Amino acid sequence: MTNTMNGTVSGRLGGRVALVTGGTRGVGAGVARALVEAGAEVVVCARRPPDVPLPGVEFRAVDLRDRAAVYEFVEGLPRLDVLVNNVGGSPYRALGGSGGAGAVGGGADVERHVRVVELNLITPLTVSLAAYGHLKRARGSVVMIGSVSGSRPSPGTAAYGAAKAGLEHLARSMAVEWAPDVRVNTLVVGMVRTELSHLHYGGPDGLDAVARTVPAGRLADPSDIGAAAVFLASDAAAFISGASLLVHGGGERPAFLDAATVNGAESS
């Protein structure tokens, strides 16, 4: 059955239990809402509860950087069919530290980059390992929330991009090791309009300018990511594992096209 309000598909995941890490806002909240609409029983976990209640979603307070707490929480779930590793993110942080290009940031700066890698790569690995027993019994599915930053230079968020590249590779290896019992796939997400978008792209004018760089003509909505996650978690994707699904509105227009002085020239 199709929900004509937003195009998401409901009923695909009826009777299944899904866990979304960091699912209290932005992309994670969009995924959680889509899973609920698809019929799943949904649990989200993060350090703090959502600012806006998510109907039909159970919140559990968990510090996902605390590996012992992660194992205690995940292993204590009565059942788990779908794991969405959404937790992640990074502030802008140049590799040269606060002193500018070539500056030496010192140990404290290194630790900040390490924490970004831990959150975006080690935490999804930890949660996945903790969930493996549940997922194997359920013949379930893992959906990693990756990023286009993992496949292109990411100045200012280099540690984040490196971690997302690693996450995609981890998913492909995990898909082979855990087959045929557990499917593992990655959503490679482009730019998304969330409640925090202004911190990355500026105000309305900045958001509109950034949206014009996307072939689709707009930034993704969290519901776009949610619909893709429902597909990968559902039986419609039963033969899809180890895959990376690009959800980026067509990607980015190559910069050389705008810089070229000859109209209609073809690149070799």
Protein backbone atom coordinates (compact mmCIF):
# COMPACT_ATOMS: atom_id res chain seq x y z
CA MET A 1 0.00 0.00 0.00
CA THR A 2 1.32 3.44 -0.90
CA ASN A 3 1.01 6.49 1.31
CA THR A 4 0.09 9.22 -1.17
CA MET A 5 0.91 11.92 1.35
CA ASN A 6 4.67 11.54 0.88
CA GLY A 7 5.24 8.66 -1.50
CA THR A 8 6.65 6.27 1.10
CA VAL A 9 5.62 2.64 1.02
CA SER A 10 3.76 1.30 4.04
CA GLY A 11 3.28 -2.30 5.10
CA ARG A 12 6.59 -3.60 3.71
CA LEU A 13 8.12 -4.09 7.15
CA GLY A 14 5.11 -5.18 9.17
CA GLY A 15 6.05 -7.29 12.19
CA ARG A 16 9.73 -6.34 12.12
CA VAL A 17 11.75 -4.49 14.73
CA ALA A 18 14.16 -1.79 13.56
CA LEU A 19 16.85 0.11 15.44
CA VAL A 20 18.06 3.51 14.20
CA THR A 21 21.18 4.88 15.89
CA GLY A 22 21.23 8.63 16.40
CA GLY A 23 17.71 8.74 15.02
CA THR A 24 16.39 11.73 16.93
CA ARG A 25 16.66 14.43 14.26
CA GLY A 26 17.64 15.11 10.65
CA VAL A 27 18.28 12.08 8.46
CA GLY A 28 17.89 9.65 11.36
CA ALA A 29 14.46 10.98 12.27
CA GLY A 30 13.41 10.81 8.62
CA VAL A 31 14.50 7.17 8.48
CA ALA A 32 12.68 6.37 11.72
CA ARG A 33 9.45 7.94 10.46
CA ALA A 34 9.67 6.03 7.17
CA LEU A 35 10.22 2.73 8.98
CA VAL A 36 7.17 3.37 11.17
CA GLU A 37 5.08 4.15 8.08
CA ALA A 38 6.33 0.89 6.55
CA GLY A 39 4.90 -1.02 9.51
CA ALA A 40 8.02 -1.62 11.59
CA GLU A 41 8.32 -1.32 15.35
CA VAL A 42 11.07 1.30 15.67
CA VAL A 43 13.55 2.08 18.43
CA VAL A 44 15.96 5.01 18.22
CA CYS A 45 18.93 5.47 20.50
CA ALA A 46 21.07 8.50 21.25
CA ARG A 47 22.41 10.38 24.23
CA ARG A 48 19.51 12.85 24.27
CA PRO A 49 15.82 12.45 23.39
CA PRO A 50 14.39 14.11 20.27
CA ASP A 51 13.41 17.76 20.54
CA VAL A 52 10.27 16.96 18.55
CA PRO A 53 8.45 13.74 19.47
CA LEU A 54 8.50 11.01 16.83
CA PRO A 55 5.08 9.29 16.81
CA GLY A 56 5.29 5.52 17.06
CA VAL A 57 9.01 5.56 17.90
CA GLU A 58 10.51 4.34 21.17
CA PHE A 59 13.50 6.33 22.43
CA ARG A 60 16.29 4.76 24.47
CA ALA A 61 19.11 6.83 25.97
CA VAL A 62 22.46 5.26 25.06
CA ASP A 63 25.94 6.76 24.77
CA LEU A 64 26.96 5.08 21.53
CA ARG A 65 30.65 5.81 22.17
CA ASP A 66 30.47 3.58 25.26
CA ARG A 67 31.02 0.10 23.82
CA ALA A 68 29.98 -1.74 26.97
CA ALA A 69 26.75 0.27 27.10
CA VAL A 70 26.10 -0.47 23.41
CA TYR A 71 26.45 -4.22 23.92
CA GLU A 72 24.28 -4.17 27.04
CA PHE A 73 21.55 -2.25 25.25
CA VAL A 74 21.56 -4.12 21.92
CA GLU A 75 21.88 -7.59 23.41
CA GLY A 76 19.02 -6.74 25.76
CA LEU A 77 16.59 -6.14 22.91
CA PRO A 78 14.10 -9.00 22.61
CA ARG A 79 14.38 -8.99 18.82
CA LEU A 80 16.01 -7.07 15.99
CA ASP A 81 15.36 -7.40 12.26
CA VAL A 82 16.74 -4.16 10.84
CA LEU A 83 19.70 -2.06 11.98
CA VAL A 84 20.20 1.40 10.51
CA ASN A 85 23.61 2.78 11.43
CA ASN A 86 22.83 6.46 11.11
CA VAL A 87 24.83 8.03 13.95
CA GLY A 88 27.61 10.29 12.73
CA GLY A 89 28.53 13.76 11.61
CA SER A 90 31.35 16.24 11.99
CA PRO A 91 31.91 19.94 12.61
CA TYR A 92 34.12 21.85 10.21
CA ARG A 93 37.69 21.21 11.30
CA ALA A 94 40.69 21.89 9.04
CA LEU A 95 43.54 19.43 9.29
CA GLY A 96 46.01 22.21 10.04
CA GLY A 97 44.31 23.05 13.32
CA SER A 98 43.05 26.46 14.35
CA GLY A 99 46.32 28.15 13.44
CA GLY A 100 45.67 28.02 9.68
CA ALA A 101 47.39 26.22 6.86
CA GLY A 102 50.42 24.26 7.97
CA ALA A 103 49.80 24.87 11.66
CA VAL A 104 50.48 22.11 14.13
CA GLY A 105 47.38 21.56 16.19
CA GLY A 106 48.98 19.36 18.82
CA GLY A 107 47.60 16.35 20.63
CA ALA A 108 44.24 17.93 21.41
CA ASP A 109 43.58 18.58 17.71
CA VAL A 110 44.53 15.02 16.77
CA GLU A 111 42.09 13.70 19.37
CA ARG A 112 39.27 15.74 17.83
CA HIS A 113 39.85 14.07 14.47
CA VAL A 114 40.12 10.66 16.13
CA ARG A 115 36.75 11.18 17.81
CA VAL A 116 35.19 11.93 14.41
CA VAL A 117 36.54 8.65 13.03
CA GLU A 118 35.34 6.77 16.10
CA LEU A 119 31.82 8.17 15.83
CA ASN A 120 31.45 7.60 12.09
CA LEU A 121 33.24 4.26 11.69
CA ILE A 122 34.01 2.50 14.97
CA THR A 123 30.56 3.11 16.46
CA PRO A 124 28.68 1.56 13.49
CA LEU A 125 31.08 -1.40 13.63
CA THR A 126 30.46 -1.82 17.36
CA VAL A 127 26.66 -1.65 17.04
CA SER A 128 26.70 -4.08 14.10
CA LEU A 129 28.78 -6.62 16.00
CA ALA A 130 26.53 -6.29 19.03
CA ALA A 131 23.46 -6.84 16.82
CA TYR A 132 24.82 -9.76 14.80
CA GLY A 133 23.19 -12.50 16.89
CA HIS A 134 19.76 -10.90 16.62
CA LEU A 135 20.15 -10.21 12.91
CA LYS A 136 21.35 -13.72 12.11
CA ARG A 137 18.37 -15.30 13.85
CA ALA A 138 16.00 -12.94 12.02
CA ARG A 139 17.85 -13.20 8.68
CA GLY A 140 17.83 -9.46 8.92
CA SER A 141 19.43 -6.44 7.33
CA VAL A 142 21.92 -3.67 8.08
CA VAL A 143 21.70 -0.29 6.38
CA MET A 144 24.74 1.96 6.75
CA ILE A 145 24.19 5.68 6.25
CA GLY A 146 27.20 6.69 4.20
CA SER A 147 28.06 9.93 2.45
CA VAL A 148 29.32 11.28 -0.84
CA SER A 149 32.12 12.71 1.30
CA GLY A 150 33.57 9.21 1.34
CA SER A 151 34.25 9.26 -2.39
CA ARG A 152 35.47 12.81 -3.01
CA PRO A 153 37.84 15.25 -1.30
CA SER A 154 36.31 16.67 1.87
CA PRO A 155 38.35 19.72 2.90
CA GLY A 156 37.36 20.79 6.38
CA THR A 157 35.85 17.39 7.16
CA ALA A 158 38.66 15.08 6.04
CA ALA A 159 38.39 12.70 8.98
CA TYR A 160 34.63 12.40 8.38
CA GLY A 161 35.16 11.64 4.68
CA ALA A 162 37.81 9.06 5.47
CA ALA A 163 35.53 7.40 8.02
CA LYS A 164 32.62 7.27 5.56
CA ALA A 165 34.89 5.72 2.93
CA GLY A 166 35.84 3.11 5.51
CA LEU A 167 32.21 2.55 6.44
CA GLU A 168 31.30 1.72 2.85
CA HIS A 169 34.19 -0.73 2.61
CA LEU A 170 33.22 -2.25 5.96
CA ALA A 171 29.70 -2.82 4.69
CA ARG A 172 30.91 -4.63 1.58
CA SER A 173 33.17 -6.92 3.63
CA MET A 174 30.49 -7.49 6.23
CA ALA A 175 28.01 -8.43 3.49
CA VAL A 176 30.33 -11.22 2.35
CA GLU A 177 31.23 -12.50 5.81
CA TRP A 178 27.66 -12.50 7.10
CA ALA A 179 25.99 -13.91 3.98
CA PRO A 180 23.57 -15.50 3.49
CA ASP A 181 22.06 -14.77 6.90
CA VAL A 182 22.39 -10.97 7.04
CA ARG A 183 22.26 -8.47 4.19
CA VAL A 184 24.39 -5.33 4.51
CA ASN A 185 24.13 -2.28 2.26
CA THR A 186 25.06 1.40 2.27
CA LEU A 187 23.06 4.49 1.40
CA VAL A 188 25.54 7.00 -0.02
CA VAL A 189 23.79 10.22 0.91
CA GLY A 190 24.30 13.62 -0.67
CA MET A 191 23.30 17.00 0.73
CA VAL A 192 20.16 16.93 2.87
CA ARG A 193 17.99 19.81 4.07
CA THR A 194 17.60 19.38 7.83
CA GLU A 195 17.04 21.61 10.82
CA LEU A 196 20.83 22.12 11.00
CA SER A 197 21.49 22.77 7.31
CA HIS A 198 22.07 26.47 7.90
CA LEU A 199 25.20 25.62 9.93
CA HIS A 200 26.78 24.12 6.82
CA TYR A 201 25.30 26.11 3.95
CA GLY A 202 24.16 29.43 5.43
CA GLY A 203 20.69 30.99 5.48
CA PRO A 204 17.92 30.68 2.88
CA ASP A 205 19.99 32.27 0.11
CA GLY A 206 22.87 29.92 0.78
CA LEU A 207 20.59 26.90 0.85
CA ASP A 208 19.00 27.91 -2.44
CA ALA A 209 22.42 28.48 -4.03
CA VAL A 210 23.65 25.07 -2.88
CA ALA A 211 20.44 23.40 -4.10
CA ARG A 212 21.05 24.79 -7.58
CA THR A 213 24.30 22.81 -7.77
CA VAL A 214 22.37 19.52 -7.51
CA PRO A 215 21.09 18.13 -10.84
CA ALA A 216 17.74 17.33 -9.21
CA GLY A 217 17.37 21.02 -8.38
CA ARG A 218 16.98 20.61 -4.65
CA LEU A 219 18.56 19.18 -1.54
CA ALA A 220 17.30 15.82 -0.32
CA ASP A 221 14.61 15.69 2.32
CA PRO A 222 15.11 13.23 5.20
CA SER A 223 12.07 11.36 3.87
CA ASP A 224 14.00 10.65 0.65
CA ILE A 225 16.64 8.85 2.68
CA GLY A 226 13.97 7.11 4.72
CA ALA A 227 12.25 5.74 1.61
CA ALA A 228 15.57 4.34 0.35
CA ALA A 229 16.27 2.75 3.74
CA VAL A 230 12.86 1.07 3.72
CA PHE A 231 13.58 -0.36 0.28
CA LEU A 232 16.94 -1.83 1.31
CA ALA A 233 15.47 -3.28 4.50
CA SER A 234 12.48 -4.83 2.72
CA ASP A 235 11.99 -8.07 0.80
CA ALA A 236 12.03 -6.01 -2.40
CA ALA A 237 15.81 -5.89 -1.91
CA ALA A 238 16.16 -9.55 -0.94
CA PHE A 239 18.95 -10.15 -3.49
CA ILE A 240 20.76 -6.88 -2.79
CA SER A 241 23.72 -7.07 -0.42
CA GLY A 242 27.11 -5.39 -0.42
CA ALA A 243 25.66 -2.60 -2.55
CA SER A 244 26.06 1.17 -2.33
CA LEU A 245 22.91 3.04 -3.35
CA LEU A 246 23.56 6.65 -4.35
CA VAL A 247 20.91 8.99 -2.95
CA HIS A 248 22.32 12.33 -4.06
CA GLY A 249 19.97 13.79 -6.66
CA GLY A 250 22.36 13.12 -9.53
CA GLY A 251 25.55 14.15 -7.75
CA GLU A 252 27.45 17.31 -8.56
CA ARG A 253 27.92 19.11 -11.84
CA PRO A 254 31.64 18.86 -12.77
CA ALA A 255 33.34 22.19 -12.09
CA PHE A 256 35.22 22.13 -15.39
CA LEU A 257 31.93 22.45 -17.30
CA ASP A 258 31.33 25.85 -15.75
CA ALA A 259 34.94 26.88 -16.19
CA ALA A 260 35.22 25.85 -19.86
CA THR A 261 35.22 28.66 -22.44
CA VAL A 262 34.02 26.52 -25.37
CA ASN A 263 30.32 25.71 -25.32
CA GLY A 264 29.42 22.16 -26.19
CA ALA A 265 32.99 20.88 -26.02
CA GLU A 266 33.33 17.24 -25.12
CA SER A 267 35.94 15.96 -22.71
CA SER A 268 38.10 13.01 -23.65
